[in-house]
Amino acid sequence: MYQVGKETKYLQMMHGQPSIKKKIFEKFRILKMTITRAIEEVNERTIRKVARNMVKRVDKCIEMNGHHFQHLL
């Protein structure tokens, strides 16, 4: 059954509410700022550790022909 009330509320939400767009933009801005700060806090030691770990994982993946290898680490 067709319900006019639900469709009207949906259209108002999508097209007539700049405050919703502002809220979404603000949440996106905060998310972007949080990610940027986290990236800035990563130091060289952490990057080197991640790189070494990645090499180990790639080597094990190759050794196992792409199959499960987590149990070998």
PDB file of N, CA and C in Angstrom:
ATOM      1  N   MET A   1       0.842  -1.183   0.000  1.00  0.00           N
ATOM      2  CA  MET A   1       0.000   0.000   0.000  1.00  0.00           C
ATOM      3  C   MET A   1       0.887   1.247   0.000  1.00  0.00           C
ATOM      4  N   TYR A   2       0.522   2.236  -0.759  1.00  0.00           N
ATOM      5  CA  TYR A   2       1.276   3.487  -0.899  1.00  0.00           C
ATOM      6  C   TYR A   2       0.998   4.394   0.289  1.00  0.00           C
ATOM      7  N   GLN A   3       2.065   4.874   0.944  1.00  0.00           N
ATOM      8  CA  GLN A   3       1.912   5.740   2.106  1.00  0.00           C
ATOM      9  C   GLN A   3       2.529   7.109   1.806  1.00  0.00           C
ATOM     10  N   VAL A   4       1.704   8.105   1.694  1.00  0.00           N
ATOM     11  CA  VAL A   4       2.151   9.454   1.364  1.00  0.00           C
ATOM     12  C   VAL A   4       3.011  10.033   2.477  1.00  0.00           C
ATOM     13  N   GLY A   5       2.694   9.789   3.719  1.00  0.00           N
ATOM     14  CA  GLY A   5       3.401  10.381   4.842  1.00  0.00           C
ATOM     15  C   GLY A   5       4.879  10.036   4.862  1.00  0.00           C
ATOM     16  N   LYS A   6       5.209   8.777   4.668  1.00  0.00           N
ATOM     17  CA  LYS A   6       6.607   8.362   4.692  1.00  0.00           C
ATOM     18  C   LYS A   6       7.392   8.969   3.545  1.00  0.00           C
ATOM     19  N   GLU A   7       6.809   8.999   2.353  1.00  0.00           N
ATOM     20  CA  GLU A   7       7.499   9.569   1.203  1.00  0.00           C
ATOM     21  C   GLU A   7       7.730  11.064   1.407  1.00  0.00           C
ATOM     22  N   THR A   8       6.752  11.759   1.931  1.00  0.00           N
ATOM     23  CA  THR A   8       6.886  13.194   2.171  1.00  0.00           C
ATOM     24  C   THR A   8       8.010  13.471   3.159  1.00  0.00           C
ATOM     25  N   LYS A   9       8.073  12.694   4.242  1.00  0.00           N
ATOM     26  CA  LYS A   9       9.139  12.877   5.225  1.00  0.00           C
ATOM     27  C   LYS A   9      10.500  12.609   4.593  1.00  0.00           C
ATOM     28  N   TYR A  10      10.574  11.580   3.751  1.00  0.00           N
ATOM     29  CA  TYR A  10      11.833  11.250   3.084  1.00  0.00           C
ATOM     30  C   TYR A  10      12.262  12.383   2.165  1.00  0.00           C
ATOM     31  N   LEU A  11      11.353  12.912   1.360  1.00  0.00           N
ATOM     32  CA  LEU A  11      11.686  14.001   0.443  1.00  0.00           C
ATOM     33  C   LEU A  11      12.112  15.251   1.207  1.00  0.00           C
ATOM     34  N   GLN A  12      11.448  15.550   2.308  1.00  0.00           N
ATOM     35  CA  GLN A  12      11.848  16.697   3.114  1.00  0.00           C
ATOM     36  C   GLN A  12      13.245  16.492   3.664  1.00  0.00           C
ATOM     37  N   MET A  13      13.525  15.273   4.115  1.00  0.00           N
ATOM     38  CA  MET A  13      14.831  14.974   4.677  1.00  0.00           C
ATOM     39  C   MET A  13      15.921  15.118   3.618  1.00  0.00           C
ATOM     40  N   MET A  14      15.660  14.664   2.409  1.00  0.00           N
ATOM     41  CA  MET A  14      16.678  14.653   1.367  1.00  0.00           C
ATOM     42  C   MET A  14      16.841  16.010   0.680  1.00  0.00           C
ATOM     43  N   HIS A  15      15.776  16.774   0.560  1.00  0.00           N
ATOM     44  CA  HIS A  15      15.849  17.972  -0.275  1.00  0.00           C
ATOM     45  C   HIS A  15      15.584  19.286   0.454  1.00  0.00           C
ATOM     46  N   GLY A  16      14.854  19.268   1.518  1.00  0.00           N
ATOM     47  CA  GLY A  16      14.444  20.527   2.112  1.00  0.00           C
ATOM     48  C   GLY A  16      15.130  20.870   3.420  1.00  0.00           C
ATOM     49  N   GLN A  17      16.153  20.151   3.801  1.00  0.00           N
ATOM     50  CA  GLN A  17      16.744  20.343   5.113  1.00  0.00           C
ATOM     51  C   GLN A  17      18.239  20.655   5.005  1.00  0.00           C
ATOM     52  N   PRO A  18      18.615  21.904   4.856  1.00  0.00           N
ATOM     53  CA  PRO A  18      20.046  22.221   4.809  1.00  0.00           C
ATOM     54  C   PRO A  18      20.753  21.883   6.111  1.00  0.00           C
ATOM     55  N   SER A  19      20.022  21.820   7.217  1.00  0.00           N
ATOM     56  CA  SER A  19      20.656  21.508   8.495  1.00  0.00           C
ATOM     57  C   SER A  19      21.198  20.080   8.492  1.00  0.00           C
ATOM     58  N   ILE A  20      20.559  19.159   7.805  1.00  0.00           N
ATOM     59  CA  ILE A  20      21.066  17.790   7.698  1.00  0.00           C
ATOM     60  C   ILE A  20      22.372  17.790   6.912  1.00  0.00           C
ATOM     61  N   LYS A  21      22.407  18.536   5.823  1.00  0.00           N
ATOM     62  CA  LYS A  21      23.635  18.628   5.033  1.00  0.00           C
ATOM     63  C   LYS A  21      24.765  19.226   5.863  1.00  0.00           C
ATOM     64  N   LYS A  22      24.434  20.237   6.657  1.00  0.00           N
ATOM     65  CA  LYS A  22      25.447  20.847   7.522  1.00  0.00           C
ATOM     66  C   LYS A  22      25.969  19.849   8.544  1.00  0.00           C
ATOM     67  N   LYS A  23      25.074  19.050   9.116  1.00  0.00           N
ATOM     68  CA  LYS A  23      25.481  18.054  10.103  1.00  0.00           C
ATOM     69  C   LYS A  23      26.392  17.005   9.467  1.00  0.00           C
ATOM     70  N   ILE A  24      26.041  16.556   8.276  1.00  0.00           N
ATOM     71  CA  ILE A  24      26.870  15.580   7.574  1.00  0.00           C
ATOM     72  C   ILE A  24      28.237  16.179   7.269  1.00  0.00           C
ATOM     73  N   PHE A  25      28.251  17.416   6.780  1.00  0.00           N
ATOM     74  CA  PHE A  25      29.515  18.086   6.471  1.00  0.00           C
ATOM     75  C   PHE A  25      30.363  18.231   7.729  1.00  0.00           C
ATOM     76  N   GLU A  26      29.743  18.606   8.836  1.00  0.00           N
ATOM     77  CA  GLU A  26      30.471  18.781  10.094  1.00  0.00           C
ATOM     78  C   GLU A  26      31.056  17.457  10.571  1.00  0.00           C
ATOM     79  N   LYS A  27      30.286  16.383  10.466  1.00  0.00           N
ATOM     80  CA  LYS A  27      30.802  15.066  10.861  1.00  0.00           C
ATOM     81  C   LYS A  27      31.968  14.659   9.963  1.00  0.00           C
ATOM     82  N   PHE A  28      31.856  14.938   8.673  1.00  0.00           N
ATOM     83  CA  PHE A  28      32.939  14.639   7.743  1.00  0.00           C
ATOM     84  C   PHE A  28      34.179  15.456   8.082  1.00  0.00           C
ATOM     85  N   ARG A  29      34.002  16.726   8.410  1.00  0.00           N
ATOM     86  CA  ARG A  29      35.120  17.598   8.758  1.00  0.00           C
ATOM     87  C   ARG A  29      35.829  17.085  10.012  1.00  0.00           C
ATOM     88  N   ILE A  30      35.053  16.679  11.009  1.00  0.00           N
ATOM     89  CA  ILE A  30      35.636  16.149  12.243  1.00  0.00           C
ATOM     90  C   ILE A  30      36.373  14.847  11.968  1.00  0.00           C
ATOM     91  N   LEU A  31      35.786  13.978  11.166  1.00  0.00           N
ATOM     92  CA  LEU A  31      36.439  12.721  10.809  1.00  0.00           C
ATOM     93  C   LEU A  31      37.762  12.974  10.095  1.00  0.00           C
ATOM     94  N   LYS A  32      37.743  13.890   9.136  1.00  0.00           N
ATOM     95  CA  LYS A  32      38.957  14.229   8.395  1.00  0.00           C
ATOM     96  C   LYS A  32      40.031  14.777   9.334  1.00  0.00           C
ATOM     97  N   MET A  33      39.643  15.644  10.243  1.00  0.00           N
ATOM     98  CA  MET A  33      40.581  16.234  11.190  1.00  0.00           C
ATOM     99  C   MET A  33      41.169  15.148  12.112  1.00  0.00           C
ATOM    100  N   THR A  34      40.339  14.226  12.566  1.00  0.00           N
ATOM    101  CA  THR A  34      40.792  13.155  13.446  1.00  0.00           C
ATOM    102  C   THR A  34      41.781  12.243  12.733  1.00  0.00           C
ATOM    103  N   ILE A  35      41.491  11.896  11.496  1.00  0.00           N
ATOM    104  CA  ILE A  35      42.400  11.046  10.716  1.00  0.00           C
ATOM    105  C   ILE A  35      43.710  11.773  10.464  1.00  0.00           C
ATOM    106  N   THR A  36      43.643  13.049  10.117  1.00  0.00           N
ATOM    107  CA  THR A  36      44.855  13.835   9.866  1.00  0.00           C
ATOM    108  C   THR A  36      45.737  13.888  11.103  1.00  0.00           C
ATOM    109  N   ARG A  37      45.137  14.124  12.262  1.00  0.00           N
ATOM    110  CA  ARG A  37      45.916  14.157  13.511  1.00  0.00           C
ATOM    111  C   ARG A  37      46.563  12.805  13.792  1.00  0.00           C
ATOM    112  N   ALA A  38      45.823  11.726  13.573  1.00  0.00           N
ATOM    113  CA  ALA A  38      46.363  10.389  13.827  1.00  0.00           C
ATOM    114  C   ALA A  38      47.555  10.110  12.915  1.00  0.00           C
ATOM    115  N   ILE A  39      47.454  10.510  11.661  1.00  0.00           N
ATOM    116  CA  ILE A  39      48.550  10.312  10.711  1.00  0.00           C
ATOM    117  C   ILE A  39      49.766  11.118  11.138  1.00  0.00           C
ATOM    118  N   GLU A  40      49.548  12.339  11.582  1.00  0.00           N
ATOM    119  CA  GLU A  40      50.660  13.195  12.018  1.00  0.00           C
ATOM    120  C   GLU A  40      51.378  12.621  13.235  1.00  0.00           C
ATOM    121  N   GLU A  41      50.677  11.835  14.042  1.00  0.00           N
ATOM    122  CA  GLU A  41      51.269  11.273  15.254  1.00  0.00           C
ATOM    123  C   GLU A  41      52.101  10.012  14.994  1.00  0.00           C
ATOM    124  N   VAL A  42      51.992   9.438  13.802  1.00  0.00           N
ATOM    125  CA  VAL A  42      52.760   8.236  13.487  1.00  0.00           C
ATOM    126  C   VAL A  42      54.227   8.637  13.329  1.00  0.00           C
ATOM    127  N   ASN A  43      55.101   7.956  14.073  1.00  0.00           N
ATOM    128  CA  ASN A  43      56.515   8.316  14.007  1.00  0.00           C
ATOM    129  C   ASN A  43      57.288   7.340  13.101  1.00  0.00           C
ATOM    130  N   GLU A  44      58.524   7.642  12.862  1.00  0.00           N
ATOM    131  CA  GLU A  44      59.358   6.846  11.958  1.00  0.00           C
ATOM    132  C   GLU A  44      59.519   5.415  12.463  1.00  0.00           C
ATOM    133  N   ARG A  45      59.655   5.254  13.762  1.00  0.00           N
ATOM    134  CA  ARG A  45      59.822   3.913  14.338  1.00  0.00           C
ATOM    135  C   ARG A  45      58.613   3.033  14.019  1.00  0.00           C
ATOM    136  N   THR A  46      57.429   3.585  14.151  1.00  0.00           N
ATOM    137  CA  THR A  46      56.207   2.839  13.852  1.00  0.00           C
ATOM    138  C   THR A  46      56.157   2.457  12.381  1.00  0.00           C
ATOM    139  N   ILE A  47      56.522   3.371  11.511  1.00  0.00           N
ATOM    140  CA  ILE A  47      56.508   3.097  10.073  1.00  0.00           C
ATOM    141  C   ILE A  47      57.484   1.975   9.735  1.00  0.00           C
ATOM    142  N   ARG A  48      58.674   2.004  10.322  1.00  0.00           N
ATOM    143  CA  ARG A  48      59.658   0.943  10.083  1.00  0.00           C
ATOM    144  C   ARG A  48      59.144  -0.404  10.578  1.00  0.00           C
ATOM    145  N   LYS A  49      58.505  -0.418  11.743  1.00  0.00           N
ATOM    146  CA  LYS A  49      57.955  -1.651  12.305  1.00  0.00           C
ATOM    147  C   LYS A  49      56.865  -2.226  11.395  1.00  0.00           C
ATOM    148  N   VAL A  50      56.001  -1.372  10.917  1.00  0.00           N
ATOM    149  CA  VAL A  50      54.928  -1.801  10.011  1.00  0.00           C
ATOM    150  C   VAL A  50      55.521  -2.363   8.718  1.00  0.00           C
ATOM    151  N   ALA A  51      56.532  -1.704   8.189  1.00  0.00           N
ATOM    152  CA  ALA A  51      57.163  -2.158   6.946  1.00  0.00           C
ATOM    153  C   ALA A  51      57.792  -3.547   7.131  1.00  0.00           C
ATOM    154  N   ARG A  52      58.509  -3.751   8.252  1.00  0.00           N
ATOM    155  CA  ARG A  52      59.120  -5.066   8.523  1.00  0.00           C
ATOM    156  C   ARG A  52      58.051  -6.143   8.656  1.00  0.00           C
ATOM    157  N   ASN A  53      56.989  -5.813   9.365  1.00  0.00           N
ATOM    158  CA  ASN A  53      55.899  -6.761   9.561  1.00  0.00           C
ATOM    159  C   ASN A  53      55.241  -7.112   8.225  1.00  0.00           C
ATOM    160  N   MET A  54      55.081  -6.132   7.382  1.00  0.00           N
ATOM    161  CA  MET A  54      54.465  -6.371   6.084  1.00  0.00           C
ATOM    162  C   MET A  54      55.330  -7.306   5.239  1.00  0.00           C
ATOM    163  N   VAL A  55      56.637  -7.121   5.273  1.00  0.00           N
ATOM    164  CA  VAL A  55      57.543  -7.997   4.519  1.00  0.00           C
ATOM    165  C   VAL A  55      57.389  -9.440   5.010  1.00  0.00           C
ATOM    166  N   LYS A  56      57.332  -9.631   6.334  1.00  0.00           N
ATOM    167  CA  LYS A  56      57.141 -10.983   6.885  1.00  0.00           C
ATOM    168  C   LYS A  56      55.836 -11.588   6.375  1.00  0.00           C
ATOM    169  N   ARG A  57      54.778 -10.799   6.391  1.00  0.00           N
ATOM    170  CA  ARG A  57      53.466 -11.299   5.956  1.00  0.00           C
ATOM    171  C   ARG A  57      53.458 -11.640   4.468  1.00  0.00           C
ATOM    172  N   VAL A  58      54.080 -10.811   3.669  1.00  0.00           N
ATOM    173  CA  VAL A  58      54.137 -11.085   2.231  1.00  0.00           C
ATOM    174  C   VAL A  58      54.934 -12.361   1.975  1.00  0.00           C
ATOM    175  N   ASP A  59      56.064 -12.516   2.661  1.00  0.00           N
ATOM    176  CA  ASP A  59      56.870 -13.730   2.508  1.00  0.00           C
ATOM    177  C   ASP A  59      56.070 -14.976   2.876  1.00  0.00           C
ATOM    178  N   LYS A  60      55.327 -14.934   3.995  1.00  0.00           N
ATOM    179  CA  LYS A  60      54.514 -16.088   4.415  1.00  0.00           C
ATOM    180  C   LYS A  60      53.381 -16.340   3.429  1.00  0.00           C
ATOM    181  N   CYS A  61      52.800 -15.291   2.910  1.00  0.00           N
ATOM    182  CA  CYS A  61      51.719 -15.436   1.923  1.00  0.00           C
ATOM    183  C   CYS A  61      52.240 -16.141   0.679  1.00  0.00           C
ATOM    184  N   ILE A  62      53.428 -15.751   0.221  1.00  0.00           N
ATOM    185  CA  ILE A  62      54.045 -16.381  -0.947  1.00  0.00           C
ATOM    186  C   ILE A  62      54.363 -17.835  -0.632  1.00  0.00           C
ATOM    187  N   GLU A  63      54.926 -18.063   0.546  1.00  0.00           N
ATOM    188  CA  GLU A  63      55.280 -19.416   0.976  1.00  0.00           C
ATOM    189  C   GLU A  63      54.058 -20.337   0.991  1.00  0.00           C
ATOM    190  N   MET A  64      52.915 -19.807   1.364  1.00  0.00           N
ATOM    191  CA  MET A  64      51.672 -20.594   1.456  1.00  0.00           C
ATOM    192  C   MET A  64      50.828 -20.503   0.178  1.00  0.00           C
ATOM    193  N   ASN A  65      51.393 -19.978  -0.881  1.00  0.00           N
ATOM    194  CA  ASN A  65      50.678 -19.843  -2.165  1.00  0.00           C
ATOM    195  C   ASN A  65      49.347 -19.113  -2.024  1.00  0.00           C
ATOM    196  N   GLY A  66      49.341 -18.098  -1.177  1.00  0.00           N
ATOM    197  CA  GLY A  66      48.143 -17.277  -1.027  1.00  0.00           C
ATOM    198  C   GLY A  66      47.117 -17.836  -0.074  1.00  0.00           C
ATOM    199  N   HIS A  67      47.375 -18.998   0.508  1.00  0.00           N
ATOM    200  CA  HIS A  67      46.417 -19.580   1.464  1.00  0.00           C
ATOM    201  C   HIS A  67      46.650 -19.000   2.855  1.00  0.00           C
ATOM    202  N   HIS A  68      45.899 -19.472   3.830  1.00  0.00           N
ATOM    203  CA  HIS A  68      46.005 -18.973   5.201  1.00  0.00           C
ATOM    204  C   HIS A  68      47.425 -19.095   5.723  1.00  0.00           C
ATOM    205  N   PHE A  69      47.890 -18.033   6.371  1.00  0.00           N
ATOM    206  CA  PHE A  69      49.242 -18.034   6.898  1.00  0.00           C
ATOM    207  C   PHE A  69      49.359 -17.394   8.273  1.00  0.00           C
ATOM    208  N   GLN A  70      48.261 -16.875   8.786  1.00  0.00           N
ATOM    209  CA  GLN A  70      48.291 -16.176  10.078  1.00  0.00           C
ATOM    210  C   GLN A  70      48.845 -17.051  11.187  1.00  0.00           C
ATOM    211  N   HIS A  71      48.534 -18.325  11.155  1.00  0.00           N
ATOM    212  CA  HIS A  71      48.982 -19.227  12.214  1.00  0.00           C
ATOM    213  C   HIS A  71      50.499 -19.431  12.194  1.00  0.00           C
ATOM    214  N   LEU A  72      51.144 -19.028  11.123  1.00  0.00           N
ATOM    215  CA  LEU A  72      52.602 -19.196  10.999  1.00  0.00           C
ATOM    216  C   LEU A  72      53.381 -17.989  11.489  1.00  0.00           C
ATOM    217  N   LEU A  73      52.701 -16.915  11.791  1.00  0.00           N
ATOM    218  CA  LEU A  73      53.396 -15.688  12.205  1.00  0.00           C
ATOM    219  C   LEU A  73      53.715 -15.698  13.694  1.00  0.00           C
TER     220      LEU A  73
END
